[in-house]
Amino acid sequence: MVEVAATGWNQTGLQPQARRGRSLSWEREHLQTATLSKMLALESMAYLHKALNFLQDLFESVGIPEDQRLERTEVVKSLLDIIISEEETNKKRLLESIALHRKQLDSLCFELNVERFQEEEGITIVQLENDLRLQLEVRSKQKVARMQELRRLQEQDRAFCELFHTPPYGMEWDSVPSLEELDQFRGYLATLAETEAFRQEEFGRAKRQILFLTEELNYTPDSSFEKDILCEDEDISDLSLEKLAALHDLLHQLETLRTENEIVCEELHFQIQKLWDILQVPYEERKALATLMTRSVAKRRKALQSEVDRLEKLRIQNLKKVIEPIRKELALYWGKCFYSQEQRDAFTPYYDEDYTETLLQLHDTEVVQLKHYYEVHRELFEGIQKWEENWKLFLEFERKASDPSRFINRGGNLLKEERQRARLQKTFLKLEEELKAQIDLWEQEHSKTFLVNGQKFMEYVTEQWEMHRLEKEKAKQERHLKKSQQIEVEMLYGSASKIPSKREGLGSKMAGRALKTLNASPQEANRTFELDETILNNGCSRLSPLQRNFQIDSVARTYSAFSQEFSEASKSVDNSEVFNSTNL
């Protein structure tokens, strides 16, 4: 009967109006509105009611007894109960799955730091369970992806930590990072990558310089670090700040050592040149040194030191030849520093004839000290030297002033001489004042006396003027003695005939003598005109106002004092007593 019912069921076409190719579950999953759900429920109830009525008609038409009808009805009920029980079990399973999915999904959303899943209203249990399951799968995949990305980034960070010797990035391994945290982590690693590239370049550059300097200096590493640096390949496994600092320290040490070697080479080269000059080494031998200057610093220093040692041996073998130029240089600086003879005699090794290395050292030391003394007081010494030159020029003018021939020469030489004398007067006055002020200041600063030829400068100046006065006085006395002797001879034997070639010559000569008297210095101002008197009176002396004498009793101590006294003495001369050719 069941089989017939099934056959009748299929033949009558009373099955639900489900579209072919689509299951009922698919219909339920895609029905979105409550109206469709109600229509399905009504359709099911109508179908069930129609099926029961059809079954009742079959029972009656067949004539099935009542007890069998009840039995078959119970079978239908039991089937319905089984279906209902299964559906209730399925519903319970779905609800339990929904609860579990909700819990897992909430946990994942919290770990992923995203908003909770918003359930759609008015959907079936199956659809809700399906949505939750799909959302859970999506979130689980996101978690796995983030954790995998975190592991990958942490591996990179661990490599950087080993390379830089720095602590790891501050992120927990077990927690799920947010997208922002992952972005920050990536940015941090990108910065480390740039740092790695920069430090590798810096390390390579420093290493190349170190290798060059070690070869240049012939440097042998003495520590394990230096050996590691020089032997390390290009695959650098340590780029820590400590190692880079040590690398730069080594580079700075080598650069300093190279600079020191360069300075030593320059000193050795200067010493060689000095020894060449002392030993008078020919130019051909000196040219050989040029080939040494192209070598590395270490080789150059070694070669220069060898050359210095060789020249030093020659110098010791030729001490006398070496000491004599030093003594000349010493005498030169004595003169520049205006040393007196007593100061020069104080350096007794200068007169020692026992030529030894000790004697050479004493001379070298004295020259160095004297050079330093001269350089420190160069300005004062140059000023005094300029005063000496002006003093010599002044003495030259004095000598010319006593030469009568200067009035005979033509061409304006006398005018030029007077202009030069005027310029000298201005320079002399200014220079003396400046030197006196500078020396006074120096003596106040150093609390000692500044000596020139063993004397104070102004005492030295006074002494020069006194010596000049004494020489003029001596010359005047010699002239007076010569004139007196000449007068005595003329008085005893008569004067010789003196017929001038030209009358103008005598007048010029007399005028020159008179002008010379007026332009003479104060010490010459007391010169008399006995010779002129004798000439005009044929050798006979005539007492007249022409036997005047003007003399400056005080001694001029400076050029300014001399100029002032000379001016005063010149004003006292009476112009009417000057001889010229018209008085004959």
Protein backbone atom coordinates (compact mmCIF):
# COMPACT_ATOMS: atom_id res chain seq x y z
CA MET A 1 0.00 0.00 0.00
CA VAL A 2 2.86 2.28 0.73
CA GLU A 3 4.32 1.49 -2.63
CA VAL A 4 0.93 2.21 -4.25
CA ALA A 5 0.68 5.42 -2.33
CA ALA A 6 4.10 6.36 -3.46
CA THR A 7 3.18 5.49 -7.02
CA GLY A 8 -0.01 7.41 -6.73
CA TRP A 9 1.90 10.21 -5.22
CA ASN A 10 4.20 10.45 -8.14
CA GLN A 11 1.58 9.88 -10.77
CA THR A 12 -0.91 12.41 -9.50
CA GLY A 13 1.71 15.17 -9.54
CA LEU A 14 0.83 16.31 -6.03
CA GLN A 15 4.51 17.01 -5.12
CA PRO A 16 5.33 20.60 -4.06
CA GLN A 17 5.74 23.11 -6.84
CA ALA A 18 9.54 23.30 -6.49
CA ARG A 19 11.37 24.49 -9.55
CA ARG A 20 13.44 21.85 -11.25
CA GLY A 21 17.17 22.16 -10.71
CA ARG A 22 16.69 23.98 -7.42
CA SER A 23 16.19 22.27 -4.06
CA LEU A 24 13.83 23.34 -1.36
CA SER A 25 16.72 24.34 0.81
CA TRP A 26 17.93 26.65 -1.96
CA GLU A 27 14.42 28.15 -2.06
CA ARG A 28 14.55 28.76 1.68
CA GLU A 29 17.97 30.26 1.54
CA HIS A 30 16.98 32.74 -1.11
CA LEU A 31 13.53 33.75 0.05
CA GLN A 32 14.08 37.12 1.63
CA THR A 33 10.60 38.31 2.53
CA ALA A 34 8.14 37.15 5.16
CA THR A 35 5.36 36.90 2.56
CA LEU A 36 7.21 34.17 0.68
CA SER A 37 7.76 32.25 3.92
CA LYS A 38 4.06 32.39 4.74
CA MET A 39 3.16 31.22 1.26
CA LEU A 40 5.44 28.23 1.63
CA ALA A 41 3.91 27.37 5.00
CA LEU A 42 0.36 27.58 3.62
CA GLU A 43 1.39 25.54 0.61
CA SER A 44 2.82 22.82 2.85
CA MET A 45 -0.26 22.73 5.06
CA ALA A 46 -2.52 22.54 2.02
CA TYR A 47 -0.43 19.78 0.52
CA LEU A 48 -0.48 17.78 3.79
CA HIS A 49 -4.24 18.17 4.16
CA LYS A 50 -4.78 17.11 0.55
CA ALA A 51 -2.47 14.12 0.97
CA LEU A 52 -4.37 12.94 4.08
CA ASN A 53 -7.68 13.29 2.29
CA PHE A 54 -6.34 11.38 -0.67
CA LEU A 55 -5.10 8.64 1.67
CA GLN A 56 -8.52 8.45 3.33
CA ASP A 57 -10.18 8.05 -0.06
CA LEU A 58 -7.80 5.26 -0.90
CA PHE A 59 -8.62 3.48 2.32
CA GLU A 60 -12.29 3.64 1.66
CA SER A 61 -12.05 2.64 -1.97
CA VAL A 62 -9.90 -0.32 -1.15
CA GLY A 63 -11.90 -1.28 1.85
CA ILE A 64 -9.21 -1.45 4.37
CA PRO A 65 -10.46 -2.34 7.79
CA GLU A 66 -10.56 0.19 10.53
CA ASP A 67 -7.79 -1.32 12.59
CA GLN A 68 -5.48 -1.33 9.57
CA ARG A 69 -6.47 2.25 8.83
CA LEU A 70 -5.47 3.22 12.36
CA GLU A 71 -2.24 1.29 12.04
CA ARG A 72 -1.37 3.03 8.77
CA THR A 73 -2.40 6.37 10.20
CA GLU A 74 -0.06 5.78 13.13
CA VAL A 75 2.71 5.08 10.66
CA VAL A 76 2.08 8.42 9.01
CA LYS A 77 2.04 10.12 12.40
CA SER A 78 5.26 8.41 13.43
CA LEU A 79 6.91 9.55 10.21
CA LEU A 80 5.77 13.07 10.83
CA ASP A 81 7.05 12.84 14.41
CA ILE A 82 10.39 11.61 13.13
CA ILE A 83 10.57 14.46 10.67
CA ILE A 84 9.59 16.96 13.33
CA SER A 85 12.15 15.51 15.73
CA GLU A 86 14.86 15.67 13.13
CA GLU A 87 13.99 19.23 12.26
CA GLU A 88 13.93 20.20 15.94
CA THR A 89 17.34 18.56 16.35
CA ASN A 90 18.57 20.39 13.29
CA LYS A 91 17.19 23.66 14.67
CA LYS A 92 18.88 23.02 18.01
CA ARG A 93 22.16 22.28 16.24
CA LEU A 94 21.83 25.44 14.19
CA LEU A 95 21.13 27.51 17.30
CA GLU A 96 24.10 25.98 19.07
CA SER A 97 26.27 26.64 16.00
CA ILE A 98 25.02 30.22 15.86
CA ALA A 99 25.90 30.77 19.50
CA LEU A 100 29.35 29.26 18.99
CA HIS A 101 29.97 31.26 15.83
CA ARG A 102 28.83 34.44 17.56
CA LYS A 103 31.25 33.84 20.41
CA GLN A 104 34.18 33.02 18.12
CA LEU A 105 33.35 35.90 15.82
CA ASP A 106 33.20 38.38 18.71
CA SER A 107 36.57 37.14 19.93
CA LEU A 108 38.09 37.49 16.48
CA CYS A 109 36.66 40.98 16.01
CA PHE A 110 38.18 41.98 19.33
CA GLU A 111 41.57 40.51 18.41
CA LEU A 112 41.47 42.09 14.97
CA ASN A 113 40.35 45.38 16.44
CA VAL A 114 37.35 45.63 14.11
CA GLU A 115 33.67 46.25 14.76
CA ARG A 116 31.38 43.38 15.77
CA PHE A 117 29.37 41.62 13.09
CA GLN A 118 25.95 43.18 12.65
CA GLU A 119 23.31 40.45 12.15
CA GLU A 120 20.65 41.06 9.58
CA GLU A 121 17.10 41.33 10.91
CA GLY A 122 14.26 39.08 9.65
CA ILE A 123 16.42 36.28 8.29
CA THR A 124 16.05 32.56 9.03
CA ILE A 125 18.13 30.56 11.42
CA VAL A 126 19.87 28.73 8.61
CA GLN A 127 20.73 31.95 6.83
CA LEU A 128 21.97 33.51 10.08
CA GLU A 129 24.09 30.47 10.79
CA ASN A 130 25.45 30.55 7.28
CA ASP A 131 26.24 34.29 7.50
CA LEU A 132 27.98 33.84 10.83
CA ARG A 133 29.98 30.88 9.52
CA LEU A 134 31.07 32.77 6.41
CA GLN A 135 31.99 35.86 8.44
CA LEU A 136 33.92 33.67 10.88
CA GLU A 137 35.88 32.16 8.01
CA VAL A 138 36.71 35.64 6.67
CA ARG A 139 37.88 36.90 10.06
CA SER A 140 39.88 33.72 10.68
CA LYS A 141 41.66 34.17 7.37
CA GLN A 142 42.38 37.81 8.28
CA LYS A 143 43.85 36.72 11.57
CA VAL A 144 46.02 34.10 9.91
CA ALA A 145 47.17 36.63 7.30
CA ARG A 146 48.05 39.23 9.92
CA MET A 147 49.88 36.71 12.07
CA GLN A 148 51.83 35.50 9.06
CA GLU A 149 52.71 39.09 8.13
CA LEU A 150 53.73 39.71 11.73
CA ARG A 151 55.99 36.66 11.73
CA ARG A 152 57.58 37.80 8.47
CA LEU A 153 58.18 41.32 9.78
CA GLN A 154 59.54 39.97 13.03
CA GLU A 155 61.99 37.81 11.14
CA GLN A 156 63.26 40.90 9.34
CA ASP A 157 63.41 42.78 12.62
CA ARG A 158 65.41 39.96 14.20
CA ALA A 159 67.92 40.14 11.34
CA PHE A 160 68.27 43.89 11.80
CA CYS A 161 68.69 43.44 15.55
CA GLU A 162 71.58 41.03 14.96
CA LEU A 163 73.08 43.41 12.41
CA PHE A 164 72.73 46.59 14.48
CA HIS A 165 72.93 45.05 17.98
CA THR A 166 69.69 46.77 18.93
CA PRO A 167 66.62 45.49 20.89
CA PRO A 168 63.66 44.11 18.91
CA TYR A 169 60.67 46.16 17.91
CA GLY A 170 58.23 46.59 20.77
CA MET A 171 55.35 44.34 19.62
CA GLU A 172 53.89 41.20 21.24
CA TRP A 173 54.27 37.99 19.31
CA ASP A 174 51.02 36.31 20.45
CA SER A 175 48.54 39.16 20.01
CA VAL A 176 46.99 39.90 16.63
CA PRO A 177 48.29 43.30 15.37
CA SER A 178 46.04 45.91 13.88
CA LEU A 179 46.51 47.19 10.37
CA GLU A 180 47.90 50.46 11.72
CA GLU A 181 50.41 48.59 13.87
CA LEU A 182 51.52 46.54 10.90
CA ASP A 183 51.96 49.71 8.85
CA GLN A 184 54.04 51.24 11.62
CA PHE A 185 56.13 48.09 11.83
CA ARG A 186 56.72 48.17 8.06
CA GLY A 187 57.73 51.83 8.25
CA TYR A 188 60.15 51.04 11.08
CA LEU A 189 61.72 48.23 9.05
CA ALA A 190 61.97 50.48 6.00
CA THR A 191 63.91 52.97 8.12
CA LEU A 192 66.21 50.18 9.28
CA ALA A 193 66.75 49.15 5.66
CA GLU A 194 67.79 52.70 4.78
CA THR A 195 70.05 52.76 7.82
CA GLU A 196 71.62 49.51 6.70
CA ALA A 197 72.34 50.89 3.23
CA PHE A 198 73.83 54.07 4.69
CA ARG A 199 75.99 52.23 7.21
CA GLN A 200 77.20 49.75 4.61
CA GLU A 201 78.30 52.62 2.40
CA GLU A 202 79.91 54.39 5.33
CA PHE A 203 81.59 51.19 6.47
CA GLY A 204 82.90 50.52 2.96
CA ARG A 205 84.23 54.04 2.55
CA ALA A 206 85.95 53.99 5.95
CA LYS A 207 87.40 50.55 5.30
CA ARG A 208 88.82 51.62 1.93
CA GLN A 209 90.46 54.64 3.56
CA ILE A 210 91.85 52.45 6.35
CA LEU A 211 93.28 49.98 3.85
CA PHE A 212 94.88 52.85 1.91
CA LEU A 213 96.37 54.38 5.08
CA THR A 214 97.68 51.06 6.38
CA GLU A 215 99.46 50.54 3.09
CA GLU A 216 100.63 54.17 3.02
CA LEU A 217 101.95 53.98 6.58
CA ASN A 218 103.09 50.35 6.38
CA TYR A 219 100.90 49.84 9.44
CA THR A 220 100.60 46.42 11.06
CA PRO A 221 97.36 45.78 13.01
CA ASP A 222 98.01 44.88 16.63
CA SER A 223 94.49 44.23 17.96
CA SER A 224 91.87 41.65 17.06
CA PHE A 225 89.47 44.37 15.99
CA GLU A 226 91.98 45.88 13.56
CA LYS A 227 92.75 42.43 12.15
CA ASP A 228 89.05 41.71 11.71
CA ILE A 229 88.54 45.01 9.94
CA LEU A 230 91.41 44.47 7.53
CA CYS A 231 90.56 40.81 6.89
CA GLU A 232 86.77 41.12 6.79
CA ASP A 233 85.10 40.50 3.43
CA GLU A 234 82.49 42.70 1.82
CA ASP A 235 79.61 40.74 3.44
CA ILE A 236 79.35 42.85 6.58
CA SER A 237 77.59 41.10 9.49
CA ASP A 238 77.95 43.84 12.10
CA LEU A 239 76.83 47.41 11.48
CA SER A 240 76.37 48.49 15.07
CA LEU A 241 77.08 52.04 16.16
CA GLU A 242 79.82 50.76 18.44
CA LYS A 243 81.63 49.11 15.55
CA LEU A 244 81.25 52.16 13.32
CA ALA A 245 82.55 54.36 16.14
CA ALA A 246 85.54 52.05 16.60
CA LEU A 247 86.07 52.09 12.84
CA HIS A 248 86.08 55.89 12.75
CA ASP A 249 88.41 55.97 15.75
CA LEU A 250 90.84 53.71 13.90
CA LEU A 251 90.53 55.87 10.79
CA HIS A 252 91.14 59.04 12.82
CA GLN A 253 94.13 57.38 14.49
CA LEU A 254 95.63 56.47 11.13
CA GLU A 255 94.93 59.94 9.70
CA THR A 256 96.59 61.51 12.74
CA LEU A 257 99.54 59.17 12.34
CA ARG A 258 99.79 60.10 8.68
CA THR A 259 99.66 63.82 9.51
CA GLU A 260 102.38 63.34 12.10
CA ASN A 261 104.48 61.49 9.56
CA GLU A 262 103.91 64.26 7.02
CA ILE A 263 105.05 66.84 9.58
CA VAL A 264 108.09 64.72 10.42
CA CYS A 265 108.87 64.40 6.70
CA GLU A 266 108.65 68.16 6.28
CA GLU A 267 110.94 68.67 9.27
CA LEU A 268 113.38 66.09 7.96
CA HIS A 269 113.31 67.70 4.52
CA PHE A 270 113.95 71.12 6.05
CA GLN A 271 116.77 69.64 8.13
CA ILE A 272 118.24 68.03 5.01
CA GLN A 273 118.17 71.35 3.15
CA LYS A 274 119.84 73.04 6.08
CA LEU A 275 122.53 70.37 6.22
CA TRP A 276 122.99 70.68 2.45
CA ASP A 277 123.64 74.38 2.83
CA ILE A 278 126.00 73.81 5.73
CA LEU A 279 127.90 71.02 3.99
CA GLN A 280 127.67 72.77 0.62
CA VAL A 281 126.29 69.71 -1.14
CA PRO A 282 126.25 70.16 -4.95
CA TYR A 283 122.97 70.50 -6.83
CA GLU A 284 123.38 67.19 -8.65
CA GLU A 285 123.31 65.28 -5.36
CA ARG A 286 120.32 67.26 -4.14
CA LYS A 287 118.23 66.31 -7.17
CA ALA A 288 118.31 62.67 -6.10
CA LEU A 289 116.01 63.54 -3.18
CA ALA A 290 113.15 64.38 -5.56
CA THR A 291 112.60 60.67 -6.31
CA LEU A 292 112.06 59.99 -2.61
CA MET A 293 109.19 62.47 -2.33
CA THR A 294 106.87 60.37 -4.55
CA ARG A 295 106.90 57.33 -2.29
CA SER A 296 104.47 56.48 0.47
CA VAL A 297 104.69 58.37 3.74
CA ALA A 298 106.35 55.53 5.62
CA LYS A 299 108.93 54.88 2.91
CA ARG A 300 109.50 58.61 2.45
CA ARG A 301 110.05 59.14 6.16
CA LYS A 302 112.45 56.20 6.33
CA ALA A 303 114.42 57.43 3.31
CA LEU A 304 114.55 61.01 4.61
CA GLN A 305 115.67 59.82 8.03
CA SER A 306 118.44 57.80 6.41
CA GLU A 307 119.52 60.86 4.46
CA VAL A 308 119.49 62.97 7.61
CA ASP A 309 121.57 60.38 9.44
CA ARG A 310 124.06 60.30 6.58
CA LEU A 311 124.32 64.09 6.48
CA GLU A 312 124.63 64.26 10.26
CA LYS A 313 127.61 61.93 10.10
CA LEU A 314 129.16 64.16 7.47
CA ARG A 315 128.40 67.18 9.59
CA ILE A 316 130.15 65.67 12.59
CA GLN A 317 133.11 64.86 10.37
CA ASN A 318 133.20 68.47 9.22
CA LEU A 319 132.39 70.22 12.47
CA LYS A 320 134.73 73.09 11.80
CA LYS A 321 133.18 73.72 8.40
CA VAL A 322 129.79 73.55 10.09
CA ILE A 323 130.56 75.77 13.07
CA GLU A 324 132.17 78.59 11.08
CA PRO A 325 128.95 79.44 9.12
CA ILE A 326 127.00 79.25 12.37
CA ARG A 327 129.42 81.72 13.93
CA LYS A 328 128.96 84.05 10.96
CA GLU A 329 125.21 83.77 11.40
CA LEU A 330 125.63 84.39 15.12
CA ALA A 331 127.73 87.50 14.45
CA LEU A 332 125.09 88.67 11.99
CA TYR A 333 122.32 88.44 14.60
CA TRP A 334 124.57 90.05 17.21
CA GLY A 335 124.77 93.00 14.88
CA LYS A 336 121.02 92.95 14.22
CA CYS A 337 120.33 92.88 17.97
CA PHE A 338 122.96 95.60 18.63
CA TYR A 339 124.96 93.48 21.08
CA SER A 340 127.89 95.18 22.72
CA GLN A 341 131.33 93.62 22.75
CA GLU A 342 130.88 92.63 26.38
CA GLN A 343 127.64 90.80 25.49
CA ARG A 344 129.37 89.04 22.63
CA ASP A 345 132.34 88.06 24.78
CA ALA A 346 129.93 86.52 27.30
CA PHE A 347 129.38 83.65 24.84
CA THR A 348 132.80 82.09 25.35
CA PRO A 349 132.23 79.06 23.02
CA TYR A 350 132.44 81.52 20.14
CA TYR A 351 136.20 81.74 20.68
CA ASP A 352 136.75 78.05 21.41
CA GLU A 353 138.95 76.31 18.81
CA ASP A 354 138.25 72.78 20.06
CA TYR A 355 135.54 71.77 17.54
CA THR A 356 133.30 69.15 19.12
CA GLU A 357 129.66 68.11 18.94
CA THR A 358 129.02 69.85 22.26
CA LEU A 359 130.47 73.06 20.86
CA LEU A 360 128.19 72.73 17.85
CA GLN A 361 125.16 72.22 20.08
CA LEU A 362 126.06 75.31 22.10
CA HIS A 363 126.29 77.35 18.92
CA ASP A 364 123.00 75.94 17.61
CA THR A 365 121.26 76.72 20.89
CA GLU A 366 122.66 80.25 20.98
CA VAL A 367 121.59 80.94 17.39
CA VAL A 368 118.07 79.67 18.04
CA GLN A 369 117.72 81.81 21.17
CA LEU A 370 119.14 84.85 19.42
CA LYS A 371 116.82 84.40 16.44
CA HIS A 372 113.86 84.13 18.78
CA TYR A 373 114.98 87.24 20.66
CA TYR A 374 115.31 89.13 17.38
CA GLU A 375 111.91 87.99 16.07
CA VAL A 376 110.18 88.98 19.31
CA HIS A 377 111.71 92.49 19.20
CA ARG A 378 111.99 92.83 15.43
CA GLU A 379 110.01 96.09 15.32
CA LEU A 380 112.33 97.79 17.82
CA PHE A 381 115.49 96.54 16.17
CA GLU A 382 114.32 97.59 12.70
CA GLY A 383 113.52 101.04 14.09
CA ILE A 384 116.98 101.33 15.63
CA GLN A 385 118.53 100.13 12.39
CA LYS A 386 116.63 102.81 10.54
CA TRP A 387 117.95 105.36 13.05
CA GLU A 388 121.49 104.11 12.40
CA GLU A 389 121.01 104.52 8.65
CA ASN A 390 119.67 108.05 9.14
CA TRP A 391 122.61 108.80 11.44
CA LYS A 392 125.08 107.68 8.78
CA LEU A 393 123.24 109.81 6.24
CA PHE A 394 123.44 112.75 8.64
CA LEU A 395 127.20 112.25 9.05
CA GLU A 396 127.52 112.14 5.27
CA PHE A 397 125.73 115.49 5.03
CA GLU A 398 128.07 116.86 7.70
CA ARG A 399 131.08 115.66 5.71
CA LYS A 400 129.74 117.30 2.56
CA ALA A 401 129.05 120.51 4.46
CA SER A 402 132.76 120.79 5.29
CA ASP A 403 133.80 120.31 1.67
CA PRO A 404 134.28 123.70 -0.08
CA SER A 405 134.06 122.14 -3.51
CA ARG A 406 130.31 121.65 -3.19
CA PHE A 407 129.84 125.42 -3.91
CA ILE A 408 131.75 125.14 -7.17
CA ASN A 409 129.79 122.20 -8.63
CA ARG A 410 126.96 123.07 -10.95
CA GLY A 411 123.70 121.26 -11.74
CA GLY A 412 121.62 122.04 -8.64
CA ASN A 413 123.38 119.52 -6.40
CA LEU A 414 123.46 121.95 -3.50
CA LEU A 415 119.69 122.45 -3.70
CA LYS A 416 119.10 118.72 -3.80
CA GLU A 417 121.37 118.28 -0.81
CA GLU A 418 119.48 120.91 1.18
CA ARG A 419 116.15 119.27 0.38
CA GLN A 420 117.48 115.92 1.46
CA ARG A 421 118.77 117.48 4.65
CA ALA A 422 115.31 118.94 5.35
CA ARG A 423 113.62 115.58 4.79
CA LEU A 424 116.19 113.90 7.00
CA GLN A 425 115.53 116.40 9.75
CA LYS A 426 111.80 115.59 9.79
CA THR A 427 112.41 111.83 9.68
CA PHE A 428 115.07 112.00 12.37
CA LEU A 429 112.88 113.88 14.81
CA LYS A 430 109.86 111.61 14.29
CA LEU A 431 111.90 108.42 14.46
CA GLU A 432 113.62 109.37 17.71
CA GLU A 433 110.30 110.17 19.37
CA GLU A 434 108.70 106.92 18.20
CA LEU A 435 111.65 104.82 19.33
CA LYS A 436 111.78 106.50 22.71
CA ALA A 437 108.04 105.86 23.24
CA GLN A 438 108.28 102.22 22.12
CA ILE A 439 111.30 101.52 24.31
CA ASP A 440 109.69 103.17 27.34
CA LEU A 441 106.59 101.02 26.83
CA TRP A 442 108.69 97.88 26.42
CA GLU A 443 110.67 98.62 29.60
CA GLN A 444 107.42 99.13 31.54
CA GLU A 445 106.00 95.83 30.28
CA HIS A 446 109.17 93.78 30.89
CA SER A 447 110.46 95.65 33.96
CA LYS A 448 114.02 95.76 32.61
CA THR A 449 116.23 97.95 30.48
CA PHE A 450 116.34 97.65 26.71
CA LEU A 451 120.00 97.83 25.69
CA VAL A 452 121.55 98.95 22.44
CA ASN A 453 125.26 98.10 22.23
CA GLY A 454 125.21 97.57 25.99
CA GLN A 455 123.59 100.96 26.74
CA LYS A 456 120.19 102.50 27.07
CA PHE A 457 119.02 103.77 23.73
CA MET A 458 119.03 107.46 24.67
CA GLU A 459 122.46 107.05 26.28
CA TYR A 460 123.62 105.43 23.06
CA VAL A 461 122.20 108.33 21.04
CA THR A 462 123.90 110.86 23.36
CA GLU A 463 127.18 109.00 23.04
CA GLN A 464 126.96 109.13 19.22
CA TRP A 465 126.40 112.88 19.35
CA GLU A 466 129.28 113.32 21.81
CA MET A 467 131.59 111.31 19.60
CA HIS A 468 130.52 113.40 16.63
CA ARG A 469 131.24 116.59 18.59
CA LEU A 470 134.65 115.36 19.69
CA GLU A 471 135.59 114.44 16.14
CA LYS A 472 134.54 117.88 14.92
CA GLU A 473 136.48 119.48 17.76
CA LYS A 474 139.52 117.44 16.91
CA ALA A 475 139.24 118.35 13.24
CA LYS A 476 138.91 122.01 14.18
CA GLN A 477 141.98 121.87 16.40
CA GLU A 478 143.96 120.21 13.63
CA ARG A 479 142.93 122.95 11.22
CA HIS A 480 143.88 125.65 13.75
CA LEU A 481 147.25 124.01 14.29
CA LYS A 482 147.85 123.75 10.57
CA LYS A 483 146.89 127.41 10.08
CA SER A 484 149.14 128.52 12.95
CA GLN A 485 152.08 126.65 11.49
CA GLN A 486 151.37 128.10 8.09
CA ILE A 487 151.24 131.66 9.51
CA GLU A 488 154.52 131.17 11.32
CA VAL A 489 156.18 129.98 8.16
CA GLU A 490 154.79 132.91 6.20
CA MET A 491 155.93 135.37 8.85
CA LEU A 492 159.46 133.98 8.79
CA TYR A 493 159.93 133.32 5.11
CA GLY A 494 157.24 135.40 3.51
CA SER A 495 154.10 134.29 1.81
CA ALA A 496 154.13 132.57 -1.53
CA SER A 497 152.69 134.41 -4.50
CA LYS A 498 149.14 133.35 -5.09
CA ILE A 499 147.85 134.61 -8.38
CA PRO A 500 144.38 133.21 -9.06
CA SER A 501 143.60 132.28 -12.62
CA LYS A 502 140.37 134.23 -12.43
CA ARG A 503 139.27 136.98 -10.06
CA GLU A 504 135.85 135.37 -9.84
CA GLY A 505 137.44 132.24 -8.50
CA LEU A 506 138.70 134.04 -5.44
CA GLY A 507 135.35 135.66 -4.84
CA SER A 508 133.56 132.36 -5.19
CA LYS A 509 136.03 130.74 -2.85
CA MET A 510 135.60 133.43 -0.22
CA ALA A 511 131.86 133.42 -0.54
CA GLY A 512 131.86 129.64 -0.23
CA ARG A 513 133.86 129.84 2.95
CA ALA A 514 131.51 132.38 4.43
CA LEU A 515 128.39 130.38 3.47
CA LYS A 516 130.00 127.24 4.79
CA THR A 517 130.52 128.93 8.13
CA LEU A 518 126.87 129.85 8.38
CA ASN A 519 125.62 126.39 7.39
CA ALA A 520 127.97 124.50 9.67
CA SER A 521 126.84 122.56 12.69
CA PRO A 522 126.94 124.14 16.17
CA GLN A 523 130.29 122.52 16.90
CA GLU A 524 131.73 124.07 13.72
CA ALA A 525 130.13 127.45 14.32
CA ASN A 526 133.20 128.68 16.23
CA ARG A 527 135.41 128.30 13.17
CA THR A 528 137.40 131.57 12.55
CA PHE A 529 138.31 133.22 9.33
CA GLU A 530 142.10 133.46 9.89
CA LEU A 531 142.78 131.73 6.57
CA ASP A 532 140.58 134.18 4.69
CA GLU A 533 142.27 137.03 6.55
CA THR A 534 145.69 135.75 5.61
CA ILE A 535 144.78 135.37 1.98
CA LEU A 536 143.35 138.89 1.76
CA ASN A 537 146.39 140.43 3.51
CA ASN A 538 149.09 138.44 1.72
CA GLY A 539 149.78 136.21 4.67
CA CYS A 540 149.61 138.91 7.41
CA SER A 541 147.17 138.43 10.18
CA ARG A 542 144.81 141.30 10.87
CA LEU A 543 142.92 141.68 14.07
CA SER A 544 139.44 142.80 13.25
CA PRO A 545 135.80 141.96 14.01
CA LEU A 546 136.25 139.13 11.58
CA GLN A 547 137.99 137.24 14.40
CA ARG A 548 134.60 136.46 15.88
CA ASN A 549 133.84 133.10 17.32
CA PHE A 550 130.41 131.68 17.99
CA GLN A 551 130.23 128.44 19.88
CA ILE A 552 127.47 126.36 21.47
CA ASP A 553 128.71 125.57 24.93
CA SER A 554 126.12 122.83 25.56
CA VAL A 555 126.48 119.40 24.01
CA ALA A 556 123.59 118.33 21.75
CA ARG A 557 122.22 114.99 22.85
CA THR A 558 119.65 114.40 20.10
CA TYR A 559 119.04 115.63 16.58
CA SER A 560 116.20 117.85 17.78
CA ALA A 561 118.47 119.48 20.36
CA PHE A 562 121.22 119.87 17.78
CA SER A 563 118.82 121.51 15.31
CA GLN A 564 117.50 123.93 17.91
CA GLU A 565 120.98 124.99 19.12
CA PHE A 566 122.22 125.38 15.56
CA SER A 567 119.29 127.66 14.75
CA GLU A 568 119.97 129.90 17.74
CA ALA A 569 123.67 130.13 16.88
CA SER A 570 122.96 131.06 13.27
CA LYS A 571 120.73 133.99 14.31
CA SER A 572 123.61 135.55 16.27
CA VAL A 573 125.77 136.00 13.16
CA ASP A 574 125.98 139.56 11.83
CA ASN A 575 125.33 139.61 8.12
CA SER A 576 127.59 142.64 7.63
CA GLU A 577 130.65 140.63 8.58
CA VAL A 578 130.26 138.09 5.79
CA PHE A 579 133.02 138.35 3.20
CA ASN A 580 132.40 138.36 -0.51
CA SER A 581 134.41 139.35 -3.55
CA THR A 582 133.35 143.03 -3.36
CA ASN A 583 135.25 143.58 -0.08
CA LEU A 584 138.61 143.23 -1.83
